[in-house]
Protein backbone atom coordinates (compact mmCIF):
# COMPACT_ATOMS: atom_id res chain seq x y z
CA MET A 1 -22.87 -2.62 26.62
CA PHE A 2 -24.03 -6.03 26.19
CA GLY A 3 -21.14 -8.25 23.93
CA LEU A 4 -19.75 -8.97 20.66
CA PHE A 5 -21.45 -10.73 17.68
CA LYS A 6 -18.34 -13.48 17.59
CA ARG A 7 -17.88 -16.29 14.84
CA PRO A 8 -18.37 -19.89 16.04
CA VAL A 9 -15.23 -22.15 16.87
CA VAL A 10 -15.21 -25.91 16.83
CA HIS A 11 -14.66 -27.46 19.95
CA ASP A 12 -13.03 -30.57 21.29
CA ALA A 13 -15.28 -32.60 23.09
CA SER A 14 -12.71 -34.30 24.39
CA ALA A 15 -11.17 -30.96 26.09
CA PRO A 16 -11.64 -29.83 29.59
CA ALA A 17 -14.50 -26.21 29.03
CA LEU A 18 -11.62 -24.48 30.68
CA GLU A 19 -7.59 -24.54 31.01
CA LEU A 20 -5.48 -21.66 31.98
CA GLU A 21 -1.47 -22.06 32.04
CA GLY A 22 0.68 -19.41 33.58
CA VAL A 23 -1.69 -16.66 32.95
CA THR A 24 -0.40 -13.38 33.50
CA VAL A 25 -1.67 -10.05 33.37
CA ARG A 26 -0.07 -6.81 34.57
CA TYR A 27 -1.68 -3.17 34.72
CA GLU A 28 1.62 -0.34 34.74
CA GLY A 29 3.80 -3.13 36.03
CA MET A 30 2.26 -4.73 38.69
CA PRO A 31 0.01 -8.14 38.19
CA ALA A 32 -3.26 -8.29 38.32
CA LEU A 33 -2.77 -11.90 37.89
CA ASP A 34 0.26 -13.90 38.07
CA ASN A 35 0.85 -17.26 36.47
CA VAL A 36 -2.48 -18.55 36.80
CA SER A 37 -3.11 -22.18 36.13
CA PHE A 38 -6.34 -24.12 36.23
CA SER A 39 -8.47 -26.67 34.69
CA VAL A 40 -11.81 -26.71 35.09
CA ARG A 41 -14.06 -29.95 33.63
CA ARG A 42 -17.17 -29.25 32.05
CA GLY A 43 -20.62 -29.13 33.90
CA ASP A 44 -18.47 -27.92 36.90
CA GLN A 45 -19.51 -24.70 38.88
CA VAL A 46 -16.93 -23.68 40.38
CA ALA A 47 -17.12 -20.55 42.49
CA VAL A 48 -14.42 -18.16 42.91
CA VAL A 49 -13.64 -16.58 46.28
CA GLY A 50 -11.18 -14.32 47.16
CA PRO A 51 -9.98 -10.83 48.54
CA ASN A 52 -10.75 -7.43 46.62
CA GLY A 53 -8.62 -6.39 44.12
CA ALA A 54 -7.66 -10.07 43.76
CA GLY A 55 -8.21 -10.27 40.57
CA LYS A 56 -11.39 -12.27 39.82
CA SER A 57 -12.68 -9.43 37.19
CA THR A 58 -9.63 -9.17 35.71
CA LEU A 59 -9.84 -13.25 35.30
CA PHE A 60 -13.00 -13.18 33.80
CA ASN A 61 -12.06 -10.60 31.17
CA VAL A 62 -9.16 -12.71 30.08
CA ILE A 63 -11.17 -16.16 29.81
CA THR A 64 -14.14 -14.21 27.37
CA GLY A 65 -11.13 -12.34 25.57
CA ILE A 66 -12.12 -8.76 26.14
CA LEU A 67 -8.69 -8.57 28.11
CA LYS A 68 -5.30 -10.63 26.28
CA PRO A 69 -2.45 -11.54 29.01
CA GLN A 70 1.09 -10.33 28.51
CA GLN A 71 1.75 -13.98 29.59
CA GLY A 72 0.17 -17.91 29.54
CA ILE A 73 -2.54 -19.75 27.24
CA VAL A 74 -5.77 -20.13 27.67
CA ARG A 75 -8.21 -22.57 26.10
CA ILE A 76 -11.67 -23.56 25.81
CA ALA A 77 -12.93 -26.31 24.84
CA GLY A 78 -9.32 -26.79 23.05
CA SER A 79 -9.56 -23.68 21.41
CA GLY A 80 -8.42 -20.09 22.09
CA PRO A 81 -10.72 -17.54 23.80
CA ASN A 82 -12.12 -15.19 21.13
CA GLY A 83 -14.66 -16.51 18.57
CA HIS A 84 -16.62 -19.04 21.47
CA ILE A 85 -20.36 -17.81 21.17
CA CYS A 86 -20.95 -20.42 24.03
CA VAL A 87 -19.61 -18.04 26.70
CA GLY A 88 -22.01 -16.22 28.41
CA TYR A 89 -20.74 -13.51 30.53
CA VAL A 90 -22.98 -11.27 33.37
CA PRO A 91 -20.25 -8.45 34.48
CA GLN A 92 -20.98 -6.52 37.76
CA ARG A 93 -24.21 -4.64 38.13
CA ASN A 94 -22.46 -0.99 38.84
CA ARG A 95 -20.80 -1.85 34.89
CA ILE A 96 -24.15 -1.65 33.24
CA ASP A 97 -26.00 1.43 32.03
CA TRP A 98 -29.33 0.52 33.01
CA ARG A 99 -30.61 4.06 31.84
CA PHE A 100 -30.00 2.16 27.96
CA PRO A 101 -33.56 2.09 26.58
CA VAL A 102 -34.07 -1.86 26.01
CA SER A 103 -36.81 -3.81 26.77
CA VAL A 104 -36.36 -7.36 28.58
CA SER A 105 -37.05 -9.15 25.58
CA ASP A 106 -34.18 -7.48 23.31
CA VAL A 107 -31.93 -8.28 25.69
CA VAL A 108 -32.43 -11.62 26.08
CA MET A 109 -32.71 -11.67 22.06
CA MET A 110 -29.28 -10.26 22.03
CA GLY A 111 -28.00 -13.73 23.71
CA ARG A 112 -29.78 -15.26 19.85
CA VAL A 113 -26.76 -12.45 17.82
CA GLY A 114 -24.25 -15.75 18.14
CA LYS A 115 -26.68 -18.03 16.40
CA MET A 116 -28.15 -15.90 14.01
CA GLY A 117 -25.73 -13.46 12.75
CA LEU A 118 -25.31 -10.02 13.07
CA LEU A 119 -27.36 -8.11 10.44
CA ARG A 120 -30.16 -11.23 10.26
CA ARG A 121 -33.65 -10.49 11.88
CA PRO A 122 -35.05 -12.91 14.66
CA GLY A 123 -36.65 -15.26 13.46
CA ARG A 124 -39.73 -18.11 14.75
CA VAL A 125 -36.99 -20.17 16.91
CA ASP A 126 -35.19 -17.53 17.92
CA ARG A 127 -38.53 -15.83 19.37
CA GLN A 128 -39.48 -19.08 20.45
CA ARG A 129 -35.94 -19.49 22.71
CA VAL A 130 -36.54 -15.92 23.90
CA GLN A 131 -39.94 -16.88 25.50
CA GLU A 132 -38.79 -20.57 26.67
CA ALA A 133 -35.78 -18.53 28.51
CA LEU A 134 -38.14 -15.78 29.83
CA ALA A 135 -40.52 -18.31 31.12
CA GLN A 136 -37.56 -20.55 32.46
CA VAL A 137 -36.50 -17.53 34.66
CA GLY A 138 -39.94 -16.94 35.79
CA MET A 139 -39.76 -12.90 33.72
CA SER A 140 -42.58 -13.64 31.01
CA ALA A 141 -44.60 -10.95 32.24
CA PHE A 142 -42.34 -8.17 31.91
CA ALA A 143 -40.66 -9.26 28.56
CA ASN A 144 -42.04 -5.58 28.02
CA ARG A 145 -40.53 -3.51 30.64
CA GLN A 146 -37.48 -1.49 30.06
CA ILE A 147 -34.48 -3.04 31.94
CA GLY A 148 -34.00 -0.33 34.01
CA GLU A 149 -37.19 -0.57 35.57
CA LEU A 150 -36.77 -3.96 37.51
CA SER A 151 -35.50 -4.55 40.31
CA GLY A 152 -31.36 -5.80 41.35
CA GLY A 153 -32.91 -9.46 41.68
CA GLN A 154 -34.93 -9.05 38.31
CA GLN A 155 -32.26 -7.98 36.18
CA GLN A 156 -29.59 -10.85 37.14
CA ARG A 157 -32.97 -13.09 36.25
CA VAL A 158 -32.86 -11.13 32.38
CA PHE A 159 -29.34 -11.69 32.00
CA LEU A 160 -29.29 -15.59 32.90
CA ALA A 161 -32.35 -15.58 30.43
CA ARG A 162 -30.15 -13.95 27.87
CA ALA A 163 -27.45 -17.07 28.68
CA ILE A 164 -30.18 -19.58 28.37
CA ALA A 165 -31.35 -18.32 25.24
CA GLN A 166 -27.65 -18.24 23.99
CA GLU A 167 -27.49 -21.48 24.76
CA ALA A 168 -24.52 -21.12 26.48
CA GLU A 169 -22.03 -23.61 27.81
CA LEU A 170 -19.84 -21.22 29.81
CA LEU A 171 -21.13 -18.81 32.27
CA LEU A 172 -19.34 -16.40 34.12
CA LEU A 173 -21.39 -14.26 37.01
CA ASP A 174 -19.36 -11.39 38.45
CA GLU A 175 -20.84 -11.39 42.11
CA PRO A 176 -24.20 -11.82 40.63
CA LEU A 177 -25.47 -12.13 43.86
CA ALA A 178 -24.58 -8.70 45.76
CA GLY A 179 -26.88 -6.05 47.79
CA LEU A 180 -29.89 -8.97 46.75
CA ASP A 181 -31.79 -9.76 49.11
CA ILE A 182 -32.32 -13.36 50.45
CA PRO A 183 -35.69 -14.21 48.63
CA SER A 184 -33.33 -12.81 45.35
CA GLN A 185 -30.65 -14.99 46.10
CA GLU A 186 -32.16 -17.54 46.02
CA ALA A 187 -34.30 -17.50 42.82
CA ILE A 188 -30.80 -16.96 41.09
CA LEU A 189 -29.18 -19.73 42.89
CA ARG A 190 -32.56 -21.88 41.95
CA ILE A 191 -31.84 -20.95 38.55
CA LEU A 192 -28.06 -21.61 38.34
CA ALA A 193 -29.06 -25.04 39.91
CA GLU A 194 -31.10 -26.05 37.49
CA MET A 195 -28.50 -25.03 34.58
CA ARG A 196 -26.22 -27.10 36.46
CA ALA A 197 -28.49 -30.05 35.93
CA GLU A 198 -28.31 -28.76 32.06
CA GLY A 199 -24.71 -29.30 32.01
CA ILE A 200 -23.46 -25.70 31.80
CA THR A 201 -20.35 -24.72 33.79
CA LEU A 202 -20.77 -21.64 36.04
CA LEU A 203 -18.31 -20.01 37.15
CA ILE A 204 -19.25 -17.25 40.00
CA ALA A 205 -17.17 -14.86 41.67
CA THR A 206 -18.54 -13.65 45.11
CA HIS A 207 -17.51 -12.74 48.17
CA ASP A 208 -19.36 -14.78 50.62
CA LEU A 209 -17.18 -17.74 51.60
CA ASN A 210 -20.35 -20.00 53.56
CA GLN A 211 -22.52 -19.34 50.46
CA ALA A 212 -20.29 -20.75 48.11
CA ALA A 213 -19.15 -23.29 50.25
CA GLU A 214 -22.87 -24.25 51.00
CA GLN A 215 -23.53 -23.59 46.95
CA PHE A 216 -20.82 -25.22 45.45
CA ASP A 217 -19.15 -28.47 45.29
CA GLN A 218 -15.35 -26.49 44.05
CA MET A 219 -14.16 -23.20 44.96
CA MET A 220 -11.28 -21.26 43.67
CA LEU A 221 -9.32 -19.15 46.78
CA LEU A 222 -7.91 -16.41 44.50
CA ASN A 223 -5.20 -13.83 45.39
CA ARG A 224 -3.58 -12.46 42.36
CA ARG A 225 -2.32 -16.42 41.83
CA VAL A 226 -4.52 -19.55 42.62
CA VAL A 227 -4.15 -20.26 46.53
CA ALA A 228 -6.07 -23.34 46.90
CA TYR A 229 -8.45 -24.97 44.15
CA GLY A 230 -10.92 -27.79 44.77
CA ALA A 231 -13.63 -29.47 47.19
CA PRO A 232 -14.72 -26.35 49.90
CA ALA A 233 -13.64 -28.12 52.56
CA GLN A 234 -9.75 -28.61 50.91
CA VAL A 235 -9.41 -24.60 50.11
CA LEU A 236 -10.99 -23.41 53.36
CA THR A 237 -8.16 -24.12 55.64
CA THR A 238 -6.44 -22.40 57.38
CA GLU A 239 -3.32 -21.96 56.12
CA ASN A 240 -4.87 -21.00 52.54
CA LEU A 241 -7.04 -18.17 54.02
CA ALA A 242 -4.26 -16.87 55.45
CA ARG A 243 -2.19 -16.68 52.50
CA ALA A 244 -5.28 -15.58 50.43
CA TYR A 245 -6.37 -12.55 52.99
CA GLY A 246 -3.68 -12.28 54.97
CA GLY A 247 -3.87 -8.58 57.49
CA GLN A 248 -7.92 -8.51 56.14
CA LEU A 249 -8.62 -11.02 58.24
CA HIS A 250 -10.62 -10.15 61.70
CA VAL A 251 -11.61 -12.62 63.86
CA VAL A 252 -14.61 -11.93 66.23
CA HIS A 253 -16.07 -14.41 69.14
CA THR A 254 -19.93 -15.29 69.13
CA ASP A 255 -22.14 -16.17 71.24
CA GLY A 256 -22.48 -19.53 70.03
CA GLY A 257 -18.26 -19.87 69.85
CA ASP A 258 -18.22 -19.74 66.12
CA LEU A 259 -15.69 -17.29 64.39
CA VAL A 260 -16.60 -14.65 62.13
CA VAL A 261 -13.99 -13.67 59.55
CA THR A 262 -14.20 -10.68 57.68
CA ASP A 263 -12.51 -9.04 55.03
CA SER A 264 -12.97 -5.25 56.02
CA CYS A 265 -9.88 -4.12 53.81
CA CYS A 266 -12.72 -1.20 52.21
CA GLY A 267 -13.28 0.49 55.57
CA GLY A 268 -15.50 3.45 54.86
CA GLY A 269 -18.34 1.81 56.80
CA GLU A 270 -19.20 -0.30 54.45
CA PRO A 271 -19.98 -3.67 55.13
CA PRO A 272 -17.96 -7.09 54.99
CA VAL A 273 -17.37 -7.79 52.00
CA ALA A 274 -16.12 -11.75 52.38
CA GLN A 275 -17.40 -13.55 55.43
CA PHE A 276 -16.75 -17.20 56.77
CA VAL A 277 -18.56 -18.84 59.87
CA GLY A 278 -16.44 -21.79 61.11
CA THR A 279 -15.33 -23.32 64.38
CA PRO A 280 -12.30 -21.81 65.64
CA ASP A 281 -10.43 -24.70 64.70
CA ALA A 282 -11.12 -24.03 61.03
CA LEU A 283 -9.97 -20.70 61.41
CA PRO A 284 -6.68 -19.42 61.27
CA GLU A 285 -5.51 -17.98 64.15
CA ILE A 286 -4.91 -13.71 63.65
CA PRO A 287 -2.03 -12.50 66.03
């Protein structure tokens, strides 16, 4: 549920935080990722966006070493993906068993396993680091609560505290803001800004294109392949959006004359899972 012990590996200080070269992953013969290549500099915070089924979760599983690609190379600080205790991963909330009988402080202490070893009991430094991490995310008062008793926003803050206690240098977050109210989203974004100031490299998967463009200097538009990667203004172009979303794009005219582009592929009355608000000349014309 909360990750396995990994032996530390030596970092190459001159290497990028993360590199992928020609990574391909297939499920039942169909590509989930197809020849994916990119590089992330140390300290960058990258929003990974794209339609449902674009391969965002698969990408994160490859980076963490959970999933081995059929082709291609993954390097974290110059080494392969396995053995890095510096990589933190927060999966989608619906993939976690919140009934697991563990307290908030226990979850955060799990971030210390790579530092202290799987069989050693936490020491003074470990307990102090957990307390500091909980204080940094504003969750000290909830240290003894069962993790499932918390709200969604509180649970996400606990997992960020675990990454802080872990002393993660590369952090992957899969839809961390999904289903959270605005105050909870703002609290998470404040913590991420603090982590950025500490030089932590971050990849965050999200469907909200507006929020991604506003909050992150770098964006990756993914649909099995890397459609575009760079500054938001370079990524969110007419051509790139059309290539990534295709027939899932729908244009709605608003009173202000703007256009709203949504990915409504899920159906069933579900709310849009991607959204971009912009001027008509910034968006593709949809037949």
